[in-house]
Amino acid sequence: MKISEIKIVFINGNEKIIDKNSIKNFYSLINWMNSFNNNDSVATLTLSGRDLGSTFSVSKYTIKSIEPLK
């Protein structure tokens, strides 16, 4: 399956849609998502946006669910 968008739901109820073209390390996020969904151990992942200075992190402690959008 070719993934171009990922939906993240945070524990506080906020949602974020991540587009493949909006971050530099999208494939790292896919690997993190697969590990998270398989209940494997995952470290905090910092993602770099394409815009200068744009970063955010995903952590197993702040994510309720993460899934690819079809």
PDB file of N, CA and C in Angstrom:
ATOM      1  N   MET A   1       0.846  -1.177   0.000  1.00  0.00           N
ATOM      2  CA  MET A   1       0.000   0.000   0.000  1.00  0.00           C
ATOM      3  C   MET A   1       0.889   1.238   0.000  1.00  0.00           C
ATOM      4  N   LYS A   2       0.607   2.147  -0.881  1.00  0.00           N
ATOM      5  CA  LYS A   2       1.355   3.405  -0.955  1.00  0.00           C
ATOM      6  C   LYS A   2       0.653   4.429  -0.071  1.00  0.00           C
ATOM      7  N   ILE A   3       1.381   4.935   0.919  1.00  0.00           N
ATOM      8  CA  ILE A   3       0.811   5.877   1.880  1.00  0.00           C
ATOM      9  C   ILE A   3       1.250   7.290   1.522  1.00  0.00           C
ATOM     10  N   SER A   4       0.291   8.197   1.418  1.00  0.00           N
ATOM     11  CA  SER A   4       0.634   9.589   1.128  1.00  0.00           C
ATOM     12  C   SER A   4       0.173  10.543   2.227  1.00  0.00           C
ATOM     13  N   GLU A   5      -0.707  10.050   3.123  1.00  0.00           N
ATOM     14  CA  GLU A   5      -1.164  10.858   4.255  1.00  0.00           C
ATOM     15  C   GLU A   5      -1.335   9.965   5.475  1.00  0.00           C
ATOM     16  N   ILE A   6      -1.049  10.550   6.633  1.00  0.00           N
ATOM     17  CA  ILE A   6      -1.208   9.850   7.897  1.00  0.00           C
ATOM     18  C   ILE A   6      -2.031  10.720   8.827  1.00  0.00           C
ATOM     19  N   LYS A   7      -2.975  10.096   9.501  1.00  0.00           N
ATOM     20  CA  LYS A   7      -3.820  10.801  10.472  1.00  0.00           C
ATOM     21  C   LYS A   7      -3.352  10.441  11.877  1.00  0.00           C
ATOM     22  N   ILE A   8      -3.063  11.462  12.666  1.00  0.00           N
ATOM     23  CA  ILE A   8      -2.650  11.282  14.051  1.00  0.00           C
ATOM     24  C   ILE A   8      -3.739  11.858  14.941  1.00  0.00           C
ATOM     25  N   VAL A   9      -4.192  11.065  15.908  1.00  0.00           N
ATOM     26  CA  VAL A   9      -5.136  11.535  16.925  1.00  0.00           C
ATOM     27  C   VAL A   9      -4.372  11.543  18.248  1.00  0.00           C
ATOM     28  N   PHE A  10      -4.302  12.716  18.857  1.00  0.00           N
ATOM     29  CA  PHE A  10      -3.600  12.865  20.119  1.00  0.00           C
ATOM     30  C   PHE A  10      -4.521  12.525  21.276  1.00  0.00           C
ATOM     31  N   ILE A  11      -3.939  12.218  22.416  1.00  0.00           N
ATOM     32  CA  ILE A  11      -4.709  11.853  23.602  1.00  0.00           C
ATOM     33  C   ILE A  11      -5.692  12.955  23.996  1.00  0.00           C
ATOM     34  N   ASN A  12      -5.321  14.211  23.754  1.00  0.00           N
ATOM     35  CA  ASN A  12      -6.206  15.326  24.118  1.00  0.00           C
ATOM     36  C   ASN A  12      -7.337  15.544  23.104  1.00  0.00           C
ATOM     37  N   GLY A  13      -7.427  14.687  22.070  1.00  0.00           N
ATOM     38  CA  GLY A  13      -8.508  14.774  21.096  1.00  0.00           C
ATOM     39  C   GLY A  13      -8.167  15.539  19.829  1.00  0.00           C
ATOM     40  N   ASN A  14      -7.058  16.270  19.820  1.00  0.00           N
ATOM     41  CA  ASN A  14      -6.652  16.981  18.609  1.00  0.00           C
ATOM     42  C   ASN A  14      -6.242  15.991  17.528  1.00  0.00           C
ATOM     43  N   GLU A  15      -6.495  16.371  16.284  1.00  0.00           N
ATOM     44  CA  GLU A  15      -6.122  15.542  15.145  1.00  0.00           C
ATOM     45  C   GLU A  15      -5.183  16.316  14.239  1.00  0.00           C
ATOM     46  N   LYS A  16      -4.267  15.588  13.605  1.00  0.00           N
ATOM     47  CA  LYS A  16      -3.338  16.205  12.667  1.00  0.00           C
ATOM     48  C   LYS A  16      -3.204  15.270  11.469  1.00  0.00           C
ATOM     49  N   ILE A  17      -3.351  15.832  10.278  1.00  0.00           N
ATOM     50  CA  ILE A  17      -3.149  15.090   9.044  1.00  0.00           C
ATOM     51  C   ILE A  17      -1.775  15.476   8.505  1.00  0.00           C
ATOM     52  N   ILE A  18      -0.934  14.466   8.302  1.00  0.00           N
ATOM     53  CA  ILE A  18       0.418  14.699   7.799  1.00  0.00           C
ATOM     54  C   ILE A  18       0.474  14.245   6.352  1.00  0.00           C
ATOM     55  N   ASP A  19       0.790  15.159   5.465  1.00  0.00           N
ATOM     56  CA  ASP A  19       0.942  14.855   4.048  1.00  0.00           C
ATOM     57  C   ASP A  19       2.399  14.511   3.753  1.00  0.00           C
ATOM     58  N   LYS A  20       2.592  13.569   2.868  1.00  0.00           N
ATOM     59  CA  LYS A  20       3.940  13.116   2.494  1.00  0.00           C
ATOM     60  C   LYS A  20       4.849  14.273   2.083  1.00  0.00           C
ATOM     61  N   ASN A  21       4.299  15.255   1.415  1.00  0.00           N
ATOM     62  CA  ASN A  21       5.092  16.375   0.914  1.00  0.00           C
ATOM     63  C   ASN A  21       5.329  17.466   1.952  1.00  0.00           C
ATOM     64  N   SER A  22       4.744  17.331   3.146  1.00  0.00           N
ATOM     65  CA  SER A  22       4.873  18.394   4.134  1.00  0.00           C
ATOM     66  C   SER A  22       6.027  18.189   5.115  1.00  0.00           C
ATOM     67  N   ILE A  23       6.571  16.966   5.188  1.00  0.00           N
ATOM     68  CA  ILE A  23       7.699  16.723   6.086  1.00  0.00           C
ATOM     69  C   ILE A  23       8.806  15.984   5.350  1.00  0.00           C
ATOM     70  N   LYS A  24      10.027  16.179   5.822  1.00  0.00           N
ATOM     71  CA  LYS A  24      11.189  15.587   5.159  1.00  0.00           C
ATOM     72  C   LYS A  24      11.347  14.106   5.460  1.00  0.00           C
ATOM     73  N   ASN A  25      11.047  13.680   6.671  1.00  0.00           N
ATOM     74  CA  ASN A  25      11.270  12.288   7.068  1.00  0.00           C
ATOM     75  C   ASN A  25       9.956  11.507   7.205  1.00  0.00           C
ATOM     76  N   PHE A  26       9.144  11.568   6.165  1.00  0.00           N
ATOM     77  CA  PHE A  26       7.836  10.906   6.157  1.00  0.00           C
ATOM     78  C   PHE A  26       7.972   9.391   6.338  1.00  0.00           C
ATOM     79  N   TYR A  27       8.982   8.791   5.716  1.00  0.00           N
ATOM     80  CA  TYR A  27       9.133   7.340   5.807  1.00  0.00           C
ATOM     81  C   TYR A  27       9.546   6.900   7.205  1.00  0.00           C
ATOM     82  N   SER A  28      10.211   7.745   7.943  1.00  0.00           N
ATOM     83  CA  SER A  28      10.499   7.461   9.350  1.00  0.00           C
ATOM     84  C   SER A  28       9.202   7.432  10.150  1.00  0.00           C
ATOM     85  N   LEU A  29       8.274   8.326   9.808  1.00  0.00           N
ATOM     86  CA  LEU A  29       6.978   8.350  10.470  1.00  0.00           C
ATOM     87  C   LEU A  29       6.191   7.072  10.158  1.00  0.00           C
ATOM     88  N   ILE A  30       6.268   6.589   8.940  1.00  0.00           N
ATOM     89  CA  ILE A  30       5.594   5.341   8.580  1.00  0.00           C
ATOM     90  C   ILE A  30       6.155   4.187   9.419  1.00  0.00           C
ATOM     91  N   ASN A  31       7.466   4.105   9.530  1.00  0.00           N
ATOM     92  CA  ASN A  31       8.085   3.057  10.348  1.00  0.00           C
ATOM     93  C   ASN A  31       7.673   3.185  11.804  1.00  0.00           C
ATOM     94  N   TRP A  32       7.641   4.418  12.325  1.00  0.00           N
ATOM     95  CA  TRP A  32       7.238   4.665  13.711  1.00  0.00           C
ATOM     96  C   TRP A  32       5.782   4.219  13.899  1.00  0.00           C
ATOM     97  N   MET A  33       4.918   4.592  12.962  1.00  0.00           N
ATOM     98  CA  MET A  33       3.501   4.231  13.025  1.00  0.00           C
ATOM     99  C   MET A  33       3.330   2.715  13.065  1.00  0.00           C
ATOM    100  N   ASN A  34       4.044   2.009  12.201  1.00  0.00           N
ATOM    101  CA  ASN A  34       3.929   0.551  12.172  1.00  0.00           C
ATOM    102  C   ASN A  34       4.383  -0.067  13.490  1.00  0.00           C
ATOM    103  N   SER A  35       5.470   0.414  14.042  1.00  0.00           N
ATOM    104  CA  SER A  35       5.950  -0.084  15.330  1.00  0.00           C
ATOM    105  C   SER A  35       4.954   0.236  16.442  1.00  0.00           C
ATOM    106  N   PHE A  36       4.453   1.462  16.465  1.00  0.00           N
ATOM    107  CA  PHE A  36       3.470   1.883  17.474  1.00  0.00           C
ATOM    108  C   PHE A  36       2.225   1.003  17.421  1.00  0.00           C
ATOM    109  N   ASN A  37       1.719   0.772  16.223  1.00  0.00           N
ATOM    110  CA  ASN A  37       0.497  -0.014  16.054  1.00  0.00           C
ATOM    111  C   ASN A  37       0.706  -1.501  16.345  1.00  0.00           C
ATOM    112  N   ASN A  38       1.955  -1.963  16.302  1.00  0.00           N
ATOM    113  CA  ASN A  38       2.278  -3.351  16.650  1.00  0.00           C
ATOM    114  C   ASN A  38       2.669  -3.498  18.115  1.00  0.00           C
ATOM    115  N   ASN A  39       2.504  -2.414  18.877  1.00  0.00           N
ATOM    116  CA  ASN A  39       2.855  -2.385  20.302  1.00  0.00           C
ATOM    117  C   ASN A  39       4.333  -2.659  20.551  1.00  0.00           C
ATOM    118  N   ASP A  40       5.172  -2.320  19.575  1.00  0.00           N
ATOM    119  CA  ASP A  40       6.612  -2.405  19.758  1.00  0.00           C
ATOM    120  C   ASP A  40       7.092  -1.183  20.522  1.00  0.00           C
ATOM    121  N   SER A  41       8.265  -1.259  21.062  1.00  0.00           N
ATOM    122  CA  SER A  41       8.852  -0.125  21.765  1.00  0.00           C
ATOM    123  C   SER A  41       9.218   0.963  20.747  1.00  0.00           C
ATOM    124  N   VAL A  42       8.789   2.192  21.002  1.00  0.00           N
ATOM    125  CA  VAL A  42       9.109   3.309  20.110  1.00  0.00           C
ATOM    126  C   VAL A  42       9.633   4.483  20.931  1.00  0.00           C
ATOM    127  N   ALA A  43      10.617   5.144  20.379  1.00  0.00           N
ATOM    128  CA  ALA A  43      11.152   6.355  21.001  1.00  0.00           C
ATOM    129  C   ALA A  43      10.414   7.554  20.428  1.00  0.00           C
ATOM    130  N   THR A  44      10.584   8.694  21.052  1.00  0.00           N
ATOM    131  CA  THR A  44      10.008   9.926  20.518  1.00  0.00           C
ATOM    132  C   THR A  44      10.657  10.217  19.171  1.00  0.00           C
ATOM    133  N   LEU A  45       9.856  10.599  18.200  1.00  0.00           N
ATOM    134  CA  LEU A  45      10.330  10.902  16.855  1.00  0.00           C
ATOM    135  C   LEU A  45      10.077  12.372  16.570  1.00  0.00           C
ATOM    136  N   THR A  46      11.129  13.090  16.197  1.00  0.00           N
ATOM    137  CA  THR A  46      10.999  14.492  15.809  1.00  0.00           C
ATOM    138  C   THR A  46      10.964  14.560  14.297  1.00  0.00           C
ATOM    139  N   LEU A  47       9.935  15.220  13.781  1.00  0.00           N
ATOM    140  CA  LEU A  47       9.724  15.345  12.345  1.00  0.00           C
ATOM    141  C   LEU A  47      10.064  16.751  11.883  1.00  0.00           C
ATOM    142  N   SER A  48      10.752  16.841  10.770  1.00  0.00           N
ATOM    143  CA  SER A  48      11.151  18.131  10.206  1.00  0.00           C
ATOM    144  C   SER A  48      10.231  18.505   9.067  1.00  0.00           C
ATOM    145  N   GLY A  49       9.600  19.662   9.198  1.00  0.00           N
ATOM    146  CA  GLY A  49       8.730  20.145   8.136  1.00  0.00           C
ATOM    147  C   GLY A  49       9.524  20.726   6.985  1.00  0.00           C
ATOM    148  N   ARG A  50       8.883  20.855   5.862  1.00  0.00           N
ATOM    149  CA  ARG A  50       9.534  21.449   4.678  1.00  0.00           C
ATOM    150  C   ARG A  50       9.734  22.952   4.851  1.00  0.00           C
ATOM    151  N   ASP A  51       8.910  23.589   5.704  1.00  0.00           N
ATOM    152  CA  ASP A  51       9.077  25.017   5.977  1.00  0.00           C
ATOM    153  C   ASP A  51      10.222  25.199   6.953  1.00  0.00           C
ATOM    154  N   LEU A  52      10.996  26.217   6.776  1.00  0.00           N
ATOM    155  CA  LEU A  52      12.153  26.492   7.621  1.00  0.00           C
ATOM    156  C   LEU A  52      11.736  26.611   9.084  1.00  0.00           C
ATOM    157  N   GLY A  53      12.361  25.843   9.937  1.00  0.00           N
ATOM    158  CA  GLY A  53      12.098  25.918  11.367  1.00  0.00           C
ATOM    159  C   GLY A  53      10.855  25.183  11.823  1.00  0.00           C
ATOM    160  N   SER A  54      10.217  24.445  10.951  1.00  0.00           N
ATOM    161  CA  SER A  54       8.988  23.744  11.282  1.00  0.00           C
ATOM    162  C   SER A  54       9.311  22.315  11.725  1.00  0.00           C
ATOM    163  N   THR A  55       9.104  22.038  13.014  1.00  0.00           N
ATOM    164  CA  THR A  55       9.301  20.690  13.535  1.00  0.00           C
ATOM    165  C   THR A  55       8.203  20.356  14.531  1.00  0.00           C
ATOM    166  N   PHE A  56       7.944  19.070  14.717  1.00  0.00           N
ATOM    167  CA  PHE A  56       7.074  18.606  15.790  1.00  0.00           C
ATOM    168  C   PHE A  56       7.481  17.177  16.120  1.00  0.00           C
ATOM    169  N   SER A  57       7.055  16.712  17.269  1.00  0.00           N
ATOM    170  CA  SER A  57       7.430  15.381  17.730  1.00  0.00           C
ATOM    171  C   SER A  57       6.201  14.521  17.971  1.00  0.00           C
ATOM    172  N   VAL A  58       6.396  13.217  17.804  1.00  0.00           N
ATOM    173  CA  VAL A  58       5.366  12.254  18.164  1.00  0.00           C
ATOM    174  C   VAL A  58       5.949  11.346  19.243  1.00  0.00           C
ATOM    175  N   SER A  59       5.145  11.073  20.237  1.00  0.00           N
ATOM    176  CA  SER A  59       5.572  10.267  21.371  1.00  0.00           C
ATOM    177  C   SER A  59       4.471   9.277  21.709  1.00  0.00           C
ATOM    178  N   LYS A  60       4.852   8.100  22.147  1.00  0.00           N
ATOM    179  CA  LYS A  60       3.846   7.099  22.519  1.00  0.00           C
ATOM    180  C   LYS A  60       2.986   7.562  23.682  1.00  0.00           C
ATOM    181  N   TYR A  61       3.456   8.560  24.403  1.00  0.00           N
ATOM    182  CA  TYR A  61       2.708   9.075  25.552  1.00  0.00           C
ATOM    183  C   TYR A  61       1.665  10.129  25.169  1.00  0.00           C
ATOM    184  N   THR A  62       1.742  10.659  23.950  1.00  0.00           N
ATOM    185  CA  THR A  62       0.803  11.699  23.529  1.00  0.00           C
ATOM    186  C   THR A  62      -0.114  11.279  22.379  1.00  0.00           C
ATOM    187  N   ILE A  63       0.139  10.108  21.801  1.00  0.00           N
ATOM    188  CA  ILE A  63      -0.625   9.643  20.644  1.00  0.00           C
ATOM    189  C   ILE A  63      -1.679   8.630  21.081  1.00  0.00           C
ATOM    190  N   LYS A  64      -2.913   8.879  20.689  1.00  0.00           N
ATOM    191  CA  LYS A  64      -4.002   7.914  20.938  1.00  0.00           C
ATOM    192  C   LYS A  64      -4.058   6.901  19.796  1.00  0.00           C
ATOM    193  N   SER A  65      -4.004   7.409  18.561  1.00  0.00           N
ATOM    194  CA  SER A  65      -4.002   6.523  17.399  1.00  0.00           C
ATOM    195  C   SER A  65      -3.284   7.194  16.230  1.00  0.00           C
ATOM    196  N   ILE A  66      -2.758   6.362  15.364  1.00  0.00           N
ATOM    197  CA  ILE A  66      -2.090   6.856  14.165  1.00  0.00           C
ATOM    198  C   ILE A  66      -2.364   5.840  13.056  1.00  0.00           C
ATOM    199  N   GLU A  67      -2.808   6.349  11.897  1.00  0.00           N
ATOM    200  CA  GLU A  67      -3.191   5.445  10.812  1.00  0.00           C
ATOM    201  C   GLU A  67      -3.041   6.126   9.455  1.00  0.00           C
ATOM    202  N   PRO A  68      -2.808   5.331   8.428  1.00  0.00           N
ATOM    203  CA  PRO A  68      -2.746   5.907   7.080  1.00  0.00           C
ATOM    204  C   PRO A  68      -4.146   6.280   6.601  1.00  0.00           C
ATOM    205  N   LEU A  69      -4.238   7.347   5.840  1.00  0.00           N
ATOM    206  CA  LEU A  69      -5.508   7.707   5.201  1.00  0.00           C
ATOM    207  C   LEU A  69      -5.541   7.078   3.818  1.00  0.00           C
ATOM    208  N   LYS A  70      -6.672   6.612   3.454  1.00  0.00           N
ATOM    209  CA  LYS A  70      -6.792   5.952   2.144  1.00  0.00           C
ATOM    210  C   LYS A  70      -7.311   6.895   1.110  1.00  0.00           C
TER     211      LYS A  70
END
